[in-house]
Amino acid sequence: MRRPLPIVGLAMALSMASARAQQPGSLFRYIHLTPRDTIALGKPFVAIAYADEIASHVYQLKPGTFGGAERIRILTDSAGRVTTLEFQYAASAVFGTMLKDYVAWLGKPTAIDNTARRRTVAWQDSITRFELTAVVVGDRQILSTRMIDVTPKR
């Protein structure tokens, strides 16, 4: 039996309602901000009131909008559809713990890429790529996850 996703232990930027809506083994494609406001890969980004535009087609959720991550960025294409959700975690987040939790939830990774300063573990299906990354900058490790829409373009 799979255990429920603990928000803090998993350090995932998904609310428990969002996590329960995702089936174990399925890749994450959305986050719920409120019962009526969702940000989903491949869909138009309409929750603009909750974010600041920090570059062309790049938005950052306002502080306090959503828990679980220090920073959440939304990348859109020229048509305004969400292509990527990026989550950066606090310095207290632990790569090994996050990896263990994601493997328990998503199964065996489909790709692993390690260098001296960067470690990326990924899961991918036909429409979504989910990445867990640790980057060493000086004496600091920065942990992040990314949900990427890989739906074939029409």
N, C-alpha and C. Protein backbone atom coordinates (compact mmCIF):
# COMPACT_ATOMS: atom_id res chain seq x y z
N MET A 1 0.84 -1.18 0.00
CA MET A 1 0.00 0.00 0.00
C MET A 1 0.89 1.25 0.00
N ARG A 2 0.57 2.18 -0.84
CA ARG A 2 1.35 3.42 -0.90
C ARG A 2 0.90 4.36 0.20
N ARG A 3 1.89 5.04 0.78
CA ARG A 3 1.55 6.00 1.83
C ARG A 3 1.14 7.32 1.19
N PRO A 4 0.32 8.12 1.89
CA PRO A 4 -0.08 9.41 1.34
C PRO A 4 1.11 10.34 1.21
N LEU A 5 1.01 11.30 0.32
CA LEU A 5 2.10 12.25 0.11
C LEU A 5 2.14 13.28 1.23
N PRO A 6 3.18 13.29 2.05
CA PRO A 6 3.30 14.35 3.05
C PRO A 6 3.87 15.59 2.40
N ILE A 7 3.19 16.71 2.57
CA ILE A 7 3.63 17.95 1.91
C ILE A 7 5.04 18.33 2.33
N VAL A 8 5.33 18.34 3.62
CA VAL A 8 6.64 18.79 4.06
C VAL A 8 7.70 17.74 3.74
N GLY A 9 7.43 16.48 4.05
CA GLY A 9 8.42 15.44 3.78
C GLY A 9 8.73 15.32 2.30
N LEU A 10 7.77 15.48 1.47
CA LEU A 10 7.98 15.38 0.03
C LEU A 10 8.50 16.67 -0.53
N ALA A 11 8.32 17.76 0.21
CA ALA A 11 8.75 19.08 -0.22
C ALA A 11 8.20 19.39 -1.61
N MET A 12 7.02 18.93 -1.86
CA MET A 12 6.39 19.09 -3.17
C MET A 12 5.41 20.24 -3.10
N ALA A 13 5.30 20.98 -4.16
CA ALA A 13 4.41 22.13 -4.17
C ALA A 13 3.00 21.73 -4.59
N LEU A 14 2.55 20.61 -4.11
CA LEU A 14 1.18 20.17 -4.39
C LEU A 14 0.40 20.18 -3.08
N SER A 15 -0.80 20.69 -3.12
CA SER A 15 -1.64 20.60 -1.94
C SER A 15 -2.07 19.15 -1.79
N MET A 16 -2.52 18.77 -0.62
CA MET A 16 -2.96 17.39 -0.42
C MET A 16 -4.12 17.06 -1.35
N ALA A 17 -4.99 18.02 -1.62
CA ALA A 17 -6.10 17.76 -2.55
C ALA A 17 -5.56 17.48 -3.94
N SER A 18 -4.57 18.24 -4.37
CA SER A 18 -3.96 18.00 -5.67
C SER A 18 -3.29 16.64 -5.70
N ALA A 19 -2.58 16.31 -4.64
CA ALA A 19 -1.87 15.04 -4.61
C ALA A 19 -2.84 13.87 -4.66
N ARG A 20 -3.95 13.97 -3.93
CA ARG A 20 -4.93 12.89 -3.94
C ARG A 20 -5.59 12.76 -5.31
N ALA A 21 -5.74 13.86 -6.02
CA ALA A 21 -6.37 13.82 -7.33
C ALA A 21 -5.46 13.15 -8.35
N GLN A 22 -4.16 13.19 -8.13
CA GLN A 22 -3.20 12.53 -9.01
C GLN A 22 -3.16 11.06 -8.60
N GLN A 23 -3.17 10.17 -9.55
CA GLN A 23 -3.10 8.75 -9.26
C GLN A 23 -1.65 8.34 -9.02
N PRO A 24 -1.40 7.45 -8.04
CA PRO A 24 -0.03 6.98 -7.85
C PRO A 24 0.52 6.46 -9.18
N GLY A 25 1.76 6.82 -9.46
CA GLY A 25 2.37 6.40 -10.71
C GLY A 25 2.13 7.35 -11.87
N SER A 26 1.18 8.28 -11.73
CA SER A 26 0.95 9.24 -12.81
C SER A 26 1.76 10.49 -12.53
N LEU A 27 2.25 11.10 -13.60
CA LEU A 27 3.07 12.29 -13.45
C LEU A 27 2.20 13.50 -13.17
N PHE A 28 2.71 14.41 -12.36
CA PHE A 28 1.99 15.61 -11.96
C PHE A 28 1.85 16.55 -13.14
N ARG A 29 0.63 17.10 -13.37
CA ARG A 29 0.38 18.02 -14.48
C ARG A 29 -0.28 19.31 -14.04
N TYR A 30 -0.61 19.45 -12.76
CA TYR A 30 -1.31 20.66 -12.33
C TYR A 30 -1.14 20.89 -10.84
N ILE A 31 -1.46 22.13 -10.43
CA ILE A 31 -1.57 22.47 -9.01
C ILE A 31 -2.86 23.25 -8.83
N HIS A 32 -3.50 23.04 -7.68
CA HIS A 32 -4.71 23.78 -7.32
C HIS A 32 -4.31 24.94 -6.40
N LEU A 33 -4.67 26.15 -6.79
CA LEU A 33 -4.44 27.31 -5.93
C LEU A 33 -5.63 27.52 -5.00
N THR A 34 -6.82 27.39 -5.55
CA THR A 34 -8.08 27.49 -4.81
C THR A 34 -9.00 26.43 -5.42
N PRO A 35 -10.16 26.20 -4.84
CA PRO A 35 -11.06 25.22 -5.46
C PRO A 35 -11.42 25.55 -6.92
N ARG A 36 -11.33 26.83 -7.29
CA ARG A 36 -11.68 27.21 -8.67
C ARG A 36 -10.48 27.60 -9.53
N ASP A 37 -9.31 27.72 -8.93
CA ASP A 37 -8.14 28.18 -9.68
C ASP A 37 -7.06 27.10 -9.73
N THR A 38 -6.81 26.62 -10.94
CA THR A 38 -5.83 25.57 -11.18
C THR A 38 -4.85 26.04 -12.25
N ILE A 39 -3.61 25.67 -12.10
CA ILE A 39 -2.60 25.90 -13.13
C ILE A 39 -2.24 24.52 -13.66
N ALA A 40 -2.45 24.30 -14.95
CA ALA A 40 -2.23 22.98 -15.55
C ALA A 40 -1.37 23.08 -16.80
N LEU A 41 -0.48 22.11 -16.94
CA LEU A 41 0.34 22.04 -18.14
C LEU A 41 -0.54 21.92 -19.38
N GLY A 42 -0.16 22.64 -20.43
CA GLY A 42 -0.88 22.56 -21.70
C GLY A 42 -2.14 23.39 -21.78
N LYS A 43 -2.52 24.00 -20.67
CA LYS A 43 -3.74 24.82 -20.61
C LYS A 43 -3.37 26.29 -20.55
N PRO A 44 -4.29 27.18 -20.94
CA PRO A 44 -4.01 28.62 -20.83
C PRO A 44 -3.75 29.01 -19.38
N PHE A 45 -2.79 29.90 -19.17
CA PHE A 45 -2.49 30.40 -17.83
C PHE A 45 -3.46 31.54 -17.53
N VAL A 46 -4.46 31.25 -16.72
CA VAL A 46 -5.50 32.23 -16.42
C VAL A 46 -5.44 32.74 -14.98
N ALA A 47 -4.54 32.19 -14.16
CA ALA A 47 -4.43 32.60 -12.76
C ALA A 47 -3.44 33.76 -12.62
N ILE A 48 -3.47 34.68 -13.55
CA ILE A 48 -2.52 35.79 -13.59
C ILE A 48 -2.61 36.66 -12.34
N ALA A 49 -3.78 36.75 -11.72
CA ALA A 49 -3.94 37.56 -10.51
C ALA A 49 -3.07 37.05 -9.36
N TYR A 50 -2.65 35.79 -9.40
CA TYR A 50 -1.84 35.19 -8.34
C TYR A 50 -0.34 35.28 -8.61
N ALA A 51 0.04 35.90 -9.72
CA ALA A 51 1.45 35.88 -10.12
C ALA A 51 1.92 37.24 -10.62
N ASP A 52 3.23 37.41 -10.62
CA ASP A 52 3.87 38.58 -11.21
C ASP A 52 4.60 38.12 -12.47
N GLU A 53 4.50 38.88 -13.54
CA GLU A 53 5.26 38.56 -14.75
C GLU A 53 6.69 39.06 -14.53
N ILE A 54 7.67 38.16 -14.57
CA ILE A 54 9.05 38.54 -14.30
C ILE A 54 9.90 38.60 -15.57
N ALA A 55 9.37 38.08 -16.65
CA ALA A 55 10.01 38.14 -17.97
C ALA A 55 8.93 37.79 -18.98
N SER A 56 9.24 37.93 -20.24
CA SER A 56 8.26 37.59 -21.27
C SER A 56 7.90 36.11 -21.15
N HIS A 57 6.63 35.83 -20.92
CA HIS A 57 6.10 34.46 -20.81
C HIS A 57 6.60 33.72 -19.57
N VAL A 58 7.10 34.45 -18.56
CA VAL A 58 7.55 33.83 -17.31
C VAL A 58 6.89 34.56 -16.15
N TYR A 59 6.19 33.79 -15.31
CA TYR A 59 5.47 34.35 -14.17
C TYR A 59 5.98 33.68 -12.90
N GLN A 60 5.89 34.39 -11.79
CA GLN A 60 6.24 33.82 -10.49
C GLN A 60 5.05 34.03 -9.56
N LEU A 61 4.63 32.93 -8.90
CA LEU A 61 3.52 33.07 -7.97
C LEU A 61 3.90 34.02 -6.85
N LYS A 62 2.94 34.82 -6.43
CA LYS A 62 3.16 35.77 -5.33
C LYS A 62 3.38 34.99 -4.03
N PRO A 63 4.21 35.53 -3.14
CA PRO A 63 4.46 34.85 -1.86
C PRO A 63 3.15 34.56 -1.12
N GLY A 64 3.09 33.38 -0.53
CA GLY A 64 1.91 32.99 0.24
C GLY A 64 0.77 32.44 -0.60
N THR A 65 0.93 32.41 -1.91
CA THR A 65 -0.13 31.91 -2.79
C THR A 65 -0.27 30.40 -2.70
N PHE A 66 0.85 29.72 -2.55
CA PHE A 66 0.85 28.27 -2.60
C PHE A 66 1.99 27.74 -1.75
N GLY A 67 1.76 26.74 -0.94
CA GLY A 67 2.77 26.21 -0.04
C GLY A 67 3.63 25.13 -0.65
N GLY A 68 4.68 24.75 0.09
CA GLY A 68 5.51 23.62 -0.30
C GLY A 68 6.79 23.97 -1.00
N ALA A 69 6.89 25.15 -1.58
CA ALA A 69 8.11 25.56 -2.28
C ALA A 69 8.42 27.00 -1.94
N GLU A 70 9.71 27.34 -2.02
CA GLU A 70 10.12 28.72 -1.76
C GLU A 70 9.71 29.64 -2.91
N ARG A 71 9.79 29.09 -4.13
CA ARG A 71 9.46 29.88 -5.31
C ARG A 71 8.83 28.97 -6.35
N ILE A 72 7.77 29.46 -7.02
CA ILE A 72 7.13 28.71 -8.09
C ILE A 72 7.03 29.61 -9.31
N ARG A 73 7.58 29.13 -10.41
CA ARG A 73 7.53 29.88 -11.67
C ARG A 73 6.70 29.12 -12.68
N ILE A 74 6.00 29.89 -13.52
CA ILE A 74 5.17 29.35 -14.57
C ILE A 74 5.70 29.88 -15.89
N LEU A 75 6.02 28.99 -16.82
CA LEU A 75 6.49 29.38 -18.15
C LEU A 75 5.37 29.08 -19.14
N THR A 76 5.13 30.01 -20.05
CA THR A 76 4.07 29.84 -21.04
C THR A 76 4.66 29.98 -22.45
N ASP A 77 3.92 29.46 -23.42
CA ASP A 77 4.32 29.65 -24.81
C ASP A 77 3.72 30.95 -25.33
N SER A 78 3.93 31.25 -26.58
CA SER A 78 3.45 32.51 -27.15
C SER A 78 1.92 32.60 -27.17
N ALA A 79 1.24 31.46 -27.08
CA ALA A 79 -0.22 31.46 -27.04
C ALA A 79 -0.76 31.53 -25.61
N GLY A 80 0.13 31.60 -24.62
CA GLY A 80 -0.29 31.70 -23.23
C GLY A 80 -0.57 30.37 -22.54
N ARG A 81 -0.23 29.26 -23.18
CA ARG A 81 -0.41 27.93 -22.57
C ARG A 81 0.78 27.61 -21.67
N VAL A 82 0.52 26.97 -20.54
CA VAL A 82 1.56 26.60 -19.58
C VAL A 82 2.40 25.47 -20.17
N THR A 83 3.71 25.73 -20.27
CA THR A 83 4.63 24.72 -20.78
C THR A 83 5.44 24.06 -19.66
N THR A 84 5.71 24.84 -18.59
CA THR A 84 6.55 24.33 -17.50
C THR A 84 6.15 24.98 -16.19
N LEU A 85 6.17 24.19 -15.13
CA LEU A 85 6.02 24.69 -13.76
C LEU A 85 7.33 24.35 -13.05
N GLU A 86 7.98 25.36 -12.47
CA GLU A 86 9.25 25.17 -11.78
C GLU A 86 9.08 25.48 -10.29
N PHE A 87 9.59 24.60 -9.44
CA PHE A 87 9.47 24.74 -8.00
C PHE A 87 10.87 24.74 -7.41
N GLN A 88 11.22 25.76 -6.62
CA GLN A 88 12.50 25.79 -5.93
C GLN A 88 12.23 25.68 -4.44
N TYR A 89 13.03 24.86 -3.74
CA TYR A 89 12.78 24.54 -2.35
C TYR A 89 13.77 25.20 -1.41
N ALA A 90 13.40 25.28 -0.14
CA ALA A 90 14.24 25.87 0.90
C ALA A 90 15.52 25.07 1.07
N ALA A 91 16.52 25.71 1.65
CA ALA A 91 17.83 25.07 1.86
C ALA A 91 17.71 23.83 2.75
N SER A 92 16.66 23.73 3.54
CA SER A 92 16.48 22.58 4.43
C SER A 92 15.98 21.33 3.70
N ALA A 93 15.56 21.46 2.45
CA ALA A 93 15.08 20.30 1.69
C ALA A 93 16.25 19.35 1.44
N VAL A 94 15.97 18.04 1.47
CA VAL A 94 17.01 17.02 1.32
C VAL A 94 16.73 16.20 0.05
N PHE A 95 17.70 16.20 -0.86
CA PHE A 95 17.55 15.50 -2.14
C PHE A 95 17.20 14.03 -1.94
N GLY A 96 17.93 13.32 -1.10
CA GLY A 96 17.70 11.90 -0.89
C GLY A 96 16.29 11.58 -0.41
N THR A 97 15.79 12.40 0.49
CA THR A 97 14.43 12.21 1.00
C THR A 97 13.40 12.46 -0.10
N MET A 98 13.60 13.55 -0.85
CA MET A 98 12.67 13.84 -1.94
C MET A 98 12.69 12.73 -2.98
N LEU A 99 13.88 12.26 -3.34
CA LEU A 99 14.00 11.19 -4.33
C LEU A 99 13.28 9.93 -3.86
N LYS A 100 13.49 9.57 -2.62
CA LYS A 100 12.84 8.37 -2.07
C LYS A 100 11.31 8.51 -2.16
N ASP A 101 10.79 9.67 -1.79
CA ASP A 101 9.34 9.88 -1.84
C ASP A 101 8.81 9.85 -3.27
N TYR A 102 9.54 10.47 -4.21
CA TYR A 102 9.09 10.46 -5.60
C TYR A 102 9.15 9.07 -6.19
N VAL A 103 10.17 8.29 -5.88
CA VAL A 103 10.24 6.92 -6.37
C VAL A 103 9.07 6.10 -5.82
N ALA A 104 8.74 6.31 -4.55
CA ALA A 104 7.59 5.60 -3.96
C ALA A 104 6.30 5.98 -4.67
N TRP A 105 6.18 7.23 -5.10
CA TRP A 105 4.95 7.71 -5.73
C TRP A 105 4.91 7.44 -7.22
N LEU A 106 6.04 7.69 -7.91
CA LEU A 106 6.07 7.64 -9.37
C LEU A 106 6.70 6.37 -9.95
N GLY A 107 7.40 5.61 -9.11
CA GLY A 107 8.07 4.42 -9.60
C GLY A 107 9.50 4.73 -10.02
N LYS A 108 10.09 3.79 -10.73
CA LYS A 108 11.49 3.91 -11.16
C LYS A 108 11.65 5.07 -12.14
N PRO A 109 12.68 5.91 -11.95
CA PRO A 109 12.92 7.02 -12.88
C PRO A 109 13.21 6.50 -14.29
N THR A 110 12.90 7.33 -15.28
CA THR A 110 13.19 6.97 -16.67
C THR A 110 14.53 7.51 -17.11
N ALA A 111 15.12 8.45 -16.35
CA ALA A 111 16.42 9.01 -16.70
C ALA A 111 17.13 9.52 -15.45
N ILE A 112 18.44 9.36 -15.43
CA ILE A 112 19.28 9.90 -14.35
C ILE A 112 20.50 10.51 -15.02
N ASP A 113 20.82 11.75 -14.62
CA ASP A 113 21.97 12.45 -15.18
C ASP A 113 22.75 13.07 -14.03
N ASN A 114 23.99 12.67 -13.86
CA ASN A 114 24.82 13.17 -12.77
C ASN A 114 26.11 13.78 -13.31
N THR A 115 26.44 14.95 -12.81
CA THR A 115 27.75 15.56 -13.06
C THR A 115 28.30 15.96 -11.69
N ALA A 116 29.46 16.58 -11.67
CA ALA A 116 30.07 16.97 -10.40
C ALA A 116 29.21 17.98 -9.64
N ARG A 117 28.49 18.84 -10.34
CA ARG A 117 27.74 19.90 -9.67
C ARG A 117 26.23 19.83 -9.87
N ARG A 118 25.75 18.85 -10.63
CA ARG A 118 24.31 18.78 -10.92
C ARG A 118 23.87 17.32 -10.97
N ARG A 119 22.73 17.07 -10.33
CA ARG A 119 22.14 15.73 -10.34
C ARG A 119 20.67 15.88 -10.71
N THR A 120 20.24 15.20 -11.78
CA THR A 120 18.85 15.27 -12.21
C THR A 120 18.30 13.86 -12.35
N VAL A 121 17.15 13.64 -11.76
CA VAL A 121 16.41 12.39 -11.88
C VAL A 121 15.08 12.75 -12.52
N ALA A 122 14.67 11.99 -13.54
CA ALA A 122 13.46 12.34 -14.27
C ALA A 122 12.55 11.14 -14.50
N TRP A 123 11.28 11.47 -14.61
CA TRP A 123 10.25 10.51 -14.97
C TRP A 123 9.54 11.10 -16.18
N GLN A 124 9.23 10.27 -17.17
CA GLN A 124 8.56 10.81 -18.35
C GLN A 124 7.58 9.80 -18.91
N ASP A 125 6.46 10.35 -19.39
CA ASP A 125 5.50 9.55 -20.15
C ASP A 125 5.26 10.29 -21.46
N SER A 126 4.20 9.97 -22.17
CA SER A 126 3.98 10.55 -23.50
C SER A 126 3.59 12.02 -23.48
N ILE A 127 3.17 12.56 -22.32
CA ILE A 127 2.74 13.96 -22.28
C ILE A 127 3.44 14.81 -21.23
N THR A 128 4.14 14.20 -20.28
CA THR A 128 4.74 14.95 -19.17
C THR A 128 6.14 14.44 -18.84
N ARG A 129 7.01 15.38 -18.50
CA ARG A 129 8.32 15.06 -17.94
C ARG A 129 8.37 15.73 -16.56
N PHE A 130 8.77 14.97 -15.55
CA PHE A 130 8.90 15.48 -14.19
C PHE A 130 10.35 15.29 -13.78
N GLU A 131 11.01 16.38 -13.35
CA GLU A 131 12.42 16.33 -12.99
C GLU A 131 12.64 16.79 -11.55
N LEU A 132 13.53 16.10 -10.87
CA LEU A 132 14.03 16.50 -9.56
C LEU A 132 15.51 16.80 -9.77
N THR A 133 15.95 18.01 -9.40
CA THR A 133 17.32 18.42 -9.65
C THR A 133 17.96 19.02 -8.41
N ALA A 134 19.22 18.68 -8.20
CA ALA A 134 20.06 19.30 -7.17
C ALA A 134 21.26 19.90 -7.88
N VAL A 135 21.49 21.19 -7.64
CA VAL A 135 22.63 21.90 -8.22
C VAL A 135 23.47 22.45 -7.08
N VAL A 136 24.78 22.23 -7.14
CA VAL A 136 25.69 22.75 -6.13
C VAL A 136 26.25 24.07 -6.63
N VAL A 137 26.03 25.13 -5.83
CA VAL A 137 26.55 26.47 -6.12
C VAL A 137 27.36 26.90 -4.90
N GLY A 138 28.67 26.91 -5.06
CA GLY A 138 29.53 27.18 -3.91
C GLY A 138 29.37 26.08 -2.88
N ASP A 139 29.03 26.45 -1.65
CA ASP A 139 28.80 25.44 -0.61
C ASP A 139 27.32 25.19 -0.39
N ARG A 140 26.50 25.66 -1.30
CA ARG A 140 25.04 25.54 -1.17
C ARG A 140 24.48 24.59 -2.22
N GLN A 141 23.49 23.81 -1.84
CA GLN A 141 22.79 22.94 -2.78
C GLN A 141 21.38 23.52 -3.01
N ILE A 142 21.01 23.67 -4.25
CA ILE A 142 19.69 24.19 -4.61
C ILE A 142 18.86 23.05 -5.18
N LEU A 143 17.71 22.80 -4.55
CA LEU A 143 16.82 21.72 -4.99
C LEU A 143 15.62 22.30 -5.72
N SER A 144 15.27 21.64 -6.81
CA SER A 144 14.10 22.09 -7.57
C SER A 144 13.43 20.91 -8.25
N THR A 145 12.18 21.13 -8.63
CA THR A 145 11.47 20.17 -9.47
C THR A 145 10.85 20.95 -10.62
N ARG A 146 10.63 20.25 -11.71
CA ARG A 146 9.99 20.85 -12.87
C ARG A 146 8.97 19.89 -13.45
N MET A 147 7.82 20.42 -13.78
CA MET A 147 6.80 19.68 -14.50
C MET A 147 6.79 20.30 -15.91
N ILE A 148 7.03 19.47 -16.92
CA ILE A 148 7.19 19.97 -18.28
C ILE A 148 6.19 19.28 -19.20
N ASP A 149 5.47 20.08 -19.98
CA ASP A 149 4.53 19.54 -20.95
C ASP A 149 5.31 19.08 -22.19
N VAL A 150 5.26 17.81 -22.50
CA VAL A 150 5.94 17.29 -23.69
C VAL A 150 4.92 16.75 -24.69
N THR A 151 3.69 17.22 -24.55
CA THR A 151 2.64 16.81 -25.49
C THR A 151 3.10 17.14 -26.91
N PRO A 152 2.98 16.20 -27.83
CA PRO A 152 3.38 16.51 -29.21
C PRO A 152 2.65 17.75 -29.73
N LYS A 153 3.43 18.65 -30.34
CA LYS A 153 2.84 19.88 -30.88
C LYS A 153 2.08 19.58 -32.16
N ARG A 154 0.95 20.25 -32.31
CA ARG A 154 0.12 20.02 -33.50
C ARG A 154 0.49 20.95 -34.60
